[in-house]
Every structure is written in structure tokens, then in C-alpha cells.
Amino acid sequence: MTTKDYTKAFAQLNAKPAVKAKFERFNKPKTRQCGEALKKCRRCGRTGAHISKYRLHYCRQCFRELAKIIGFRKY
């Protein structure tokens, strides 16, 4: 199960609160403390080619689209 998919099972478990509590305790994903997947593009959500310098947090594709708007110039 991925991070977002575990919530889909709640529709069936709403009728059984005890089973739902146990399901949440053992199947809910942990919050990430470190790793590549922690750094995501704030615009599209990609994890690769992440630019975090100056606290931008954009992937390189989104950075190229937004560079002029943000105020960067190409030299």
C-alpha cells in the first residue's frame, strides 16, 4: 500500500471502529525523517532533480518554467 492508498480502506472499516483502530495503528505509513522521498517539488511533487538552494524546493523542470517569474536571469 502506498502512502495515499491506505485511506481508501476506511470506507469498509467505518462500520467496525475497533478493527479500524487496529488497521490505522499497524498500516498507517510513518512520517519520513530522512531520505530522497522527503524532498519533493512543491509544484508538481517530483522527487528527482530537486533544487533546494535558496529554499526554492522545485524540480529542475518547474524551475525552468518559473525562473523568470521568480527573478532569476540566464547568464
PDB file of N, CA and C in Angstrom:
ATOM      1  N   MET A   1       0.825  -1.179   0.000  1.00  0.00           N
ATOM      2  CA  MET A   1       0.000   0.000   0.000  1.00  0.00           C
ATOM      3  C   MET A   1       0.873   1.247   0.000  1.00  0.00           C
ATOM      4  N   THR A   2       0.521   2.188  -0.817  1.00  0.00           N
ATOM      5  CA  THR A   2       1.298   3.418  -0.859  1.00  0.00           C
ATOM      6  C   THR A   2       0.805   4.384   0.206  1.00  0.00           C
ATOM      7  N   THR A   3       1.421   5.515   0.280  1.00  0.00           N
ATOM      8  CA  THR A   3       1.093   6.490   1.309  1.00  0.00           C
ATOM      9  C   THR A   3      -0.352   6.942   1.218  1.00  0.00           C
ATOM     10  N   LYS A   4      -0.872   7.123   0.024  1.00  0.00           N
ATOM     11  CA  LYS A   4      -2.216   7.657  -0.130  1.00  0.00           C
ATOM     12  C   LYS A   4      -3.290   6.577  -0.170  1.00  0.00           C
ATOM     13  N   ASP A   5      -2.928   5.336  -0.453  1.00  0.00           N
ATOM     14  CA  ASP A   5      -3.920   4.293  -0.651  1.00  0.00           C
ATOM     15  C   ASP A   5      -4.510   3.738   0.643  1.00  0.00           C
ATOM     16  N   TYR A   6      -3.871   3.895   1.765  1.00  0.00           N
ATOM     17  CA  TYR A   6      -4.391   3.278   2.985  1.00  0.00           C
ATOM     18  C   TYR A   6      -5.700   3.924   3.421  1.00  0.00           C
ATOM     19  N   THR A   7      -5.967   5.125   2.991  1.00  0.00           N
ATOM     20  CA  THR A   7      -7.207   5.796   3.370  1.00  0.00           C
ATOM     21  C   THR A   7      -8.410   5.252   2.616  1.00  0.00           C
ATOM     22  N   LYS A   8      -8.196   4.570   1.487  1.00  0.00           N
ATOM     23  CA  LYS A   8      -9.300   4.007   0.716  1.00  0.00           C
ATOM     24  C   LYS A   8      -9.985   2.871   1.472  1.00  0.00           C
ATOM     25  N   ALA A   9      -9.272   2.209   2.332  1.00  0.00           N
ATOM     26  CA  ALA A   9      -9.848   1.093   3.076  1.00  0.00           C
ATOM     27  C   ALA A   9     -10.779   1.563   4.181  1.00  0.00           C
ATOM     28  N   PHE A  10     -10.783   2.837   4.519  1.00  0.00           N
ATOM     29  CA  PHE A  10     -11.628   3.345   5.593  1.00  0.00           C
ATOM     30  C   PHE A  10     -13.110   3.221   5.278  1.00  0.00           C
ATOM     31  N   ALA A  11     -13.497   3.228   4.031  1.00  0.00           N
ATOM     32  CA  ALA A  11     -14.913   3.146   3.672  1.00  0.00           C
ATOM     33  C   ALA A  11     -15.530   1.851   4.197  1.00  0.00           C
ATOM     34  N   GLN A  12     -14.801   0.759   4.122  1.00  0.00           N
ATOM     35  CA  GLN A  12     -15.309  -0.519   4.610  1.00  0.00           C
ATOM     36  C   GLN A  12     -15.171  -0.639   6.123  1.00  0.00           C
ATOM     37  N   LEU A  13     -14.180   0.003   6.700  1.00  0.00           N
ATOM     38  CA  LEU A  13     -13.910  -0.166   8.123  1.00  0.00           C
ATOM     39  C   LEU A  13     -14.696   0.796   9.015  1.00  0.00           C
ATOM     40  N   ASN A  14     -15.418   1.746   8.445  1.00  0.00           N
ATOM     41  CA  ASN A  14     -16.171   2.689   9.272  1.00  0.00           C
ATOM     42  C   ASN A  14     -17.250   1.990  10.095  1.00  0.00           C
ATOM     43  N   ALA A  15     -17.736   0.846   9.646  1.00  0.00           N
ATOM     44  CA  ALA A  15     -18.769   0.110  10.386  1.00  0.00           C
ATOM     45  C   ALA A  15     -18.189  -0.614  11.598  1.00  0.00           C
ATOM     46  N   LYS A  16     -16.880  -0.848  11.600  1.00  0.00           N
ATOM     47  CA  LYS A  16     -16.236  -1.576  12.700  1.00  0.00           C
ATOM     48  C   LYS A  16     -15.126  -0.718  13.299  1.00  0.00           C
ATOM     49  N   PRO A  17     -15.425   0.094  14.312  1.00  0.00           N
ATOM     50  CA  PRO A  17     -14.424   1.023  14.851  1.00  0.00           C
ATOM     51  C   PRO A  17     -13.221   0.342  15.508  1.00  0.00           C
ATOM     52  N   ALA A  18     -13.407  -0.812  16.120  1.00  0.00           N
ATOM     53  CA  ALA A  18     -12.282  -1.497  16.753  1.00  0.00           C
ATOM     54  C   ALA A  18     -11.303  -2.020  15.705  1.00  0.00           C
ATOM     55  N   VAL A  19     -11.836  -2.553  14.627  1.00  0.00           N
ATOM     56  CA  VAL A  19     -10.982  -3.069  13.554  1.00  0.00           C
ATOM     57  C   VAL A  19     -10.286  -1.904  12.849  1.00  0.00           C
ATOM     58  N   LYS A  20     -10.992  -0.781  12.708  1.00  0.00           N
ATOM     59  CA  LYS A  20     -10.412   0.398  12.055  1.00  0.00           C
ATOM     60  C   LYS A  20      -9.248   0.959  12.877  1.00  0.00           C
ATOM     61  N   ALA A  21      -9.391   0.994  14.197  1.00  0.00           N
ATOM     62  CA  ALA A  21      -8.317   1.497  15.052  1.00  0.00           C
ATOM     63  C   ALA A  21      -7.080   0.619  14.946  1.00  0.00           C
ATOM     64  N   LYS A  22      -7.278  -0.692  14.896  1.00  0.00           N
ATOM     65  CA  LYS A  22      -6.150  -1.607  14.749  1.00  0.00           C
ATOM     66  C   LYS A  22      -5.502  -1.452  13.375  1.00  0.00           C
ATOM     67  N   PHE A  23      -6.327  -1.275  12.344  1.00  0.00           N
ATOM     68  CA  PHE A  23      -5.809  -1.077  10.993  1.00  0.00           C
ATOM     69  C   PHE A  23      -4.955   0.176  10.912  1.00  0.00           C
ATOM     70  N   GLU A  24      -5.427   1.267  11.510  1.00  0.00           N
ATOM     71  CA  GLU A  24      -4.669   2.522  11.494  1.00  0.00           C
ATOM     72  C   GLU A  24      -3.348   2.391  12.226  1.00  0.00           C
ATOM     73  N   ARG A  25      -3.372   1.678  13.347  1.00  0.00           N
ATOM     74  CA  ARG A  25      -2.161   1.565  14.154  1.00  0.00           C
ATOM     75  C   ARG A  25      -1.055   0.811  13.418  1.00  0.00           C
ATOM     76  N   PHE A  26      -1.406  -0.231  12.669  1.00  0.00           N
ATOM     77  CA  PHE A  26      -0.386  -1.071  12.061  1.00  0.00           C
ATOM     78  C   PHE A  26      -0.113  -0.751  10.594  1.00  0.00           C
ATOM     79  N   ASN A  27      -1.033  -0.099   9.901  1.00  0.00           N
ATOM     80  CA  ASN A  27      -0.862   0.101   8.464  1.00  0.00           C
ATOM     81  C   ASN A  27      -0.623   1.541   8.047  1.00  0.00           C
ATOM     82  N   LYS A  28      -0.773   2.494   8.935  1.00  0.00           N
ATOM     83  CA  LYS A  28      -0.538   3.881   8.568  1.00  0.00           C
ATOM     84  C   LYS A  28       0.957   4.099   8.339  1.00  0.00           C
ATOM     85  N   PRO A  29       1.332   4.740   7.232  1.00  0.00           N
ATOM     86  CA  PRO A  29       2.757   4.940   6.979  1.00  0.00           C
ATOM     87  C   PRO A  29       3.368   5.926   7.972  1.00  0.00           C
ATOM     88  N   LYS A  30       4.618   5.703   8.287  1.00  0.00           N
ATOM     89  CA  LYS A  30       5.331   6.587   9.197  1.00  0.00           C
ATOM     90  C   LYS A  30       5.729   7.859   8.461  1.00  0.00           C
ATOM     91  N   THR A  31       5.841   8.940   9.203  1.00  0.00           N
ATOM     92  CA  THR A  31       6.318  10.172   8.583  1.00  0.00           C
ATOM     93  C   THR A  31       7.808  10.045   8.329  1.00  0.00           C
ATOM     94  N   ARG A  32       8.245  10.510   7.193  1.00  0.00           N
ATOM     95  CA  ARG A  32       9.644  10.377   6.803  1.00  0.00           C
ATOM     96  C   ARG A  32      10.521  11.354   7.570  1.00  0.00           C
ATOM     97  N   GLN A  33      11.666  10.859   8.022  1.00  0.00           N
ATOM     98  CA  GLN A  33      12.623  11.685   8.743  1.00  0.00           C
ATOM     99  C   GLN A  33      13.800  12.078   7.854  1.00  0.00           C
ATOM    100  N   CYS A  34      14.149  11.199   6.917  1.00  0.00           N
ATOM    101  CA  CYS A  34      15.278  11.460   6.031  1.00  0.00           C
ATOM    102  C   CYS A  34      15.070  10.683   4.749  1.00  0.00           C
ATOM    103  N   GLY A  35      15.877  10.946   3.761  1.00  0.00           N
ATOM    104  CA  GLY A  35      15.801  10.212   2.518  1.00  0.00           C
ATOM    105  C   GLY A  35      15.422  11.093   1.349  1.00  0.00           C
ATOM    106  N   GLU A  36      15.540  10.522   0.158  1.00  0.00           N
ATOM    107  CA  GLU A  36      15.288  11.285  -1.061  1.00  0.00           C
ATOM    108  C   GLU A  36      13.811  11.619  -1.232  1.00  0.00           C
ATOM    109  N   ALA A  37      12.931  10.756  -0.797  1.00  0.00           N
ATOM    110  CA  ALA A  37      11.494  10.974  -0.967  1.00  0.00           C
ATOM    111  C   ALA A  37      10.973  12.099  -0.081  1.00  0.00           C
ATOM    112  N   LEU A  38      11.751  12.541   0.888  1.00  0.00           N
ATOM    113  CA  LEU A  38      11.334  13.641   1.747  1.00  0.00           C
ATOM    114  C   LEU A  38      11.373  14.963   0.994  1.00  0.00           C
ATOM    115  N   LYS A  39      12.308  15.102   0.066  1.00  0.00           N
ATOM    116  CA  LYS A  39      12.457  16.337  -0.704  1.00  0.00           C
ATOM    117  C   LYS A  39      11.644  16.228  -1.979  1.00  0.00           C
ATOM    118  N   LYS A  40      10.550  16.959  -2.032  1.00  0.00           N
ATOM    119  CA  LYS A  40       9.667  16.936  -3.193  1.00  0.00           C
ATOM    120  C   LYS A  40       9.520  18.342  -3.743  1.00  0.00           C
ATOM    121  N   CYS A  41       9.209  18.403  -5.030  1.00  0.00           N
ATOM    122  CA  CYS A  41       8.908  19.680  -5.670  1.00  0.00           C
ATOM    123  C   CYS A  41       7.600  20.198  -5.091  1.00  0.00           C
ATOM    124  N   ARG A  42       7.575  21.457  -4.716  1.00  0.00           N
ATOM    125  CA  ARG A  42       6.350  21.998  -4.119  1.00  0.00           C
ATOM    126  C   ARG A  42       5.272  22.253  -5.154  1.00  0.00           C
ATOM    127  N   ARG A  43       5.643  22.211  -6.441  1.00  0.00           N
ATOM    128  CA  ARG A  43       4.677  22.473  -7.501  1.00  0.00           C
ATOM    129  C   ARG A  43       4.083  21.192  -8.075  1.00  0.00           C
ATOM    130  N   CYS A  44       4.941  20.218  -8.423  1.00  0.00           N
ATOM    131  CA  CYS A  44       4.435  19.015  -9.099  1.00  0.00           C
ATOM    132  C   CYS A  44       4.618  17.743  -8.272  1.00  0.00           C
ATOM    133  N   GLY A  45       5.476  17.758  -7.255  1.00  0.00           N
ATOM    134  CA  GLY A  45       5.636  16.591  -6.394  1.00  0.00           C
ATOM    135  C   GLY A  45       6.738  15.637  -6.798  1.00  0.00           C
ATOM    136  N   ARG A  46       7.520  15.958  -7.829  1.00  0.00           N
ATOM    137  CA  ARG A  46       8.619  15.080  -8.236  1.00  0.00           C
ATOM    138  C   ARG A  46       9.706  15.057  -7.167  1.00  0.00           C
ATOM    139  N   THR A  47      10.395  13.929  -7.081  1.00  0.00           N
ATOM    140  CA  THR A  47      11.475  13.811  -6.102  1.00  0.00           C
ATOM    141  C   THR A  47      12.842  13.958  -6.747  1.00  0.00           C
ATOM    142  N   GLY A  48      12.953  13.741  -8.055  1.00  0.00           N
ATOM    143  CA  GLY A  48      14.244  13.802  -8.726  1.00  0.00           C
ATOM    144  C   GLY A  48      14.601  15.208  -9.143  1.00  0.00           C
ATOM    145  N   ALA A  49      15.902  15.476  -9.250  1.00  0.00           N
ATOM    146  CA  ALA A  49      16.443  16.764  -9.705  1.00  0.00           C
ATOM    147  C   ALA A  49      15.868  17.916  -8.889  1.00  0.00           C
ATOM    148  N   HIS A  50      15.950  17.794  -7.594  1.00  0.00           N
ATOM    149  CA  HIS A  50      15.352  18.743  -6.670  1.00  0.00           C
ATOM    150  C   HIS A  50      16.325  19.887  -6.390  1.00  0.00           C
ATOM    151  N   ILE A  51      15.857  21.129  -6.542  1.00  0.00           N
ATOM    152  CA  ILE A  51      16.676  22.309  -6.264  1.00  0.00           C
ATOM    153  C   ILE A  51      16.202  22.899  -4.943  1.00  0.00           C
ATOM    154  N   SER A  52      17.017  22.747  -3.920  1.00  0.00           N
ATOM    155  CA  SER A  52      16.619  23.264  -2.611  1.00  0.00           C
ATOM    156  C   SER A  52      17.422  24.504  -2.222  1.00  0.00           C
ATOM    157  N   LYS A  53      18.318  24.928  -3.099  1.00  0.00           N
ATOM    158  CA  LYS A  53      19.119  26.114  -2.804  1.00  0.00           C
ATOM    159  C   LYS A  53      18.207  27.334  -2.731  1.00  0.00           C
ATOM    160  N   TYR A  54      18.479  28.226  -1.811  1.00  0.00           N
ATOM    161  CA  TYR A  54      17.657  29.407  -1.535  1.00  0.00           C
ATOM    162  C   TYR A  54      16.233  29.028  -1.131  1.00  0.00           C
ATOM    163  N   ARG A  55      16.070  27.828  -0.623  1.00  0.00           N
ATOM    164  CA  ARG A  55      14.766  27.301  -0.185  1.00  0.00           C
ATOM    165  C   ARG A  55      13.718  27.348  -1.295  1.00  0.00           C
ATOM    166  N   LEU A  56      14.133  27.014  -2.512  1.00  0.00           N
ATOM    167  CA  LEU A  56      13.200  27.018  -3.638  1.00  0.00           C
ATOM    168  C   LEU A  56      12.295  25.796  -3.607  1.00  0.00           C
ATOM    169  N   HIS A  57      12.888  24.615  -3.446  1.00  0.00           N
ATOM    170  CA  HIS A  57      12.163  23.335  -3.413  1.00  0.00           C
ATOM    171  C   HIS A  57      11.331  23.114  -4.678  1.00  0.00           C
ATOM    172  N   TYR A  58      11.985  23.265  -5.831  1.00  0.00           N
ATOM    173  CA  TYR A  58      11.383  22.967  -7.126  1.00  0.00           C
ATOM    174  C   TYR A  58      12.236  21.925  -7.822  1.00  0.00           C
ATOM    175  N   CYS A  59      11.603  21.124  -8.689  1.00  0.00           N
ATOM    176  CA  CYS A  59      12.382  20.243  -9.548  1.00  0.00           C
ATOM    177  C   CYS A  59      12.943  21.104 -10.677  1.00  0.00           C
ATOM    178  N   ARG A  60      13.858  20.563 -11.444  1.00  0.00           N
ATOM    179  CA  ARG A  60      14.519  21.381 -12.464  1.00  0.00           C
ATOM    180  C   ARG A  60      13.557  21.800 -13.561  1.00  0.00           C
ATOM    181  N   GLN A  61      12.553  20.972 -13.871  1.00  0.00           N
ATOM    182  CA  GLN A  61      11.595  21.321 -14.912  1.00  0.00           C
ATOM    183  C   GLN A  61      10.717  22.502 -14.483  1.00  0.00           C
ATOM    184  N   CYS A  62      10.227  22.466 -13.260  1.00  0.00           N
ATOM    185  CA  CYS A  62       9.407  23.570 -12.764  1.00  0.00           C
ATOM    186  C   CYS A  62      10.237  24.829 -12.585  1.00  0.00           C
ATOM    187  N   PHE A  63      11.490  24.669 -12.187  1.00  0.00           N
ATOM    188  CA  PHE A  63      12.359  25.829 -12.023  1.00  0.00           C
ATOM    189  C   PHE A  63      12.567  26.544 -13.349  1.00  0.00           C
ATOM    190  N   ARG A  64      12.751  25.789 -14.431  1.00  0.00           N
ATOM    191  CA  ARG A  64      12.947  26.405 -15.748  1.00  0.00           C
ATOM    192  C   ARG A  64      11.713  27.202 -16.173  1.00  0.00           C
ATOM    193  N   GLU A  65      10.533  26.691 -15.828  1.00  0.00           N
ATOM    194  CA  GLU A  65       9.307  27.407 -16.192  1.00  0.00           C
ATOM    195  C   GLU A  65       9.100  28.664 -15.357  1.00  0.00           C
ATOM    196  N   LEU A  66       9.518  28.629 -14.098  1.00  0.00           N
ATOM    197  CA  LEU A  66       9.245  29.734 -13.176  1.00  0.00           C
ATOM    198  C   LEU A  66      10.410  30.687 -12.964  1.00  0.00           C
ATOM    199  N   ALA A  67      11.557  30.425 -13.569  1.00  0.00           N
ATOM    200  CA  ALA A  67      12.770  31.186 -13.259  1.00  0.00           C
ATOM    201  C   ALA A  67      12.598  32.678 -13.511  1.00  0.00           C
ATOM    202  N   LYS A  68      12.040  33.042 -14.629  1.00  0.00           N
ATOM    203  CA  LYS A  68      11.880  34.478 -14.933  1.00  0.00           C
ATOM    204  C   LYS A  68      10.872  35.132 -13.999  1.00  0.00           C
ATOM    205  N   ILE A  69       9.832  34.418 -13.655  1.00  0.00           N
ATOM    206  CA  ILE A  69       8.808  34.967 -12.742  1.00  0.00           C
ATOM    207  C   ILE A  69       9.404  35.204 -11.365  1.00  0.00           C
ATOM    208  N   ILE A  70      10.235  34.283 -10.914  1.00  0.00           N
ATOM    209  CA  ILE A  70      10.860  34.381  -9.592  1.00  0.00           C
ATOM    210  C   ILE A  70      11.889  35.502  -9.556  1.00  0.00           C
ATOM    211  N   GLY A  71      12.558  35.732 -10.694  1.00  0.00           N
ATOM    212  CA  GLY A  71      13.544  36.805 -10.744  1.00  0.00           C
ATOM    213  C   GLY A  71      14.943  36.341 -11.105  1.00  0.00           C
ATOM    214  N   PHE A  72      15.099  35.116 -11.570  1.00  0.00           N
ATOM    215  CA  PHE A  72      16.393  34.622 -11.998  1.00  0.00           C
ATOM    216  C   PHE A  72      16.615  34.989 -13.463  1.00  0.00           C
ATOM    217  N   ARG A  73      17.870  35.274 -13.802  1.00  0.00           N
ATOM    218  CA  ARG A  73      18.223  35.563 -15.182  1.00  0.00           C
ATOM    219  C   ARG A  73      19.233  34.559 -15.661  1.00  0.00           C
ATOM    220  N   LYS A  74      19.184  34.261 -16.948  1.00  0.00           N
ATOM    221  CA  LYS A  74      20.116  33.315 -17.558  1.00  0.00           C
ATOM    222  C   LYS A  74      21.360  34.068 -18.004  1.00  0.00           C
ATOM    223  N   TYR A  75      22.529  33.578 -17.586  1.00  0.00           N
ATOM    224  CA  TYR A  75      23.792  34.216 -17.963  1.00  0.00           C
ATOM    225  C   TYR A  75      24.537  33.347 -18.933  1.00  0.00           C
TER     226      TYR A  75
END
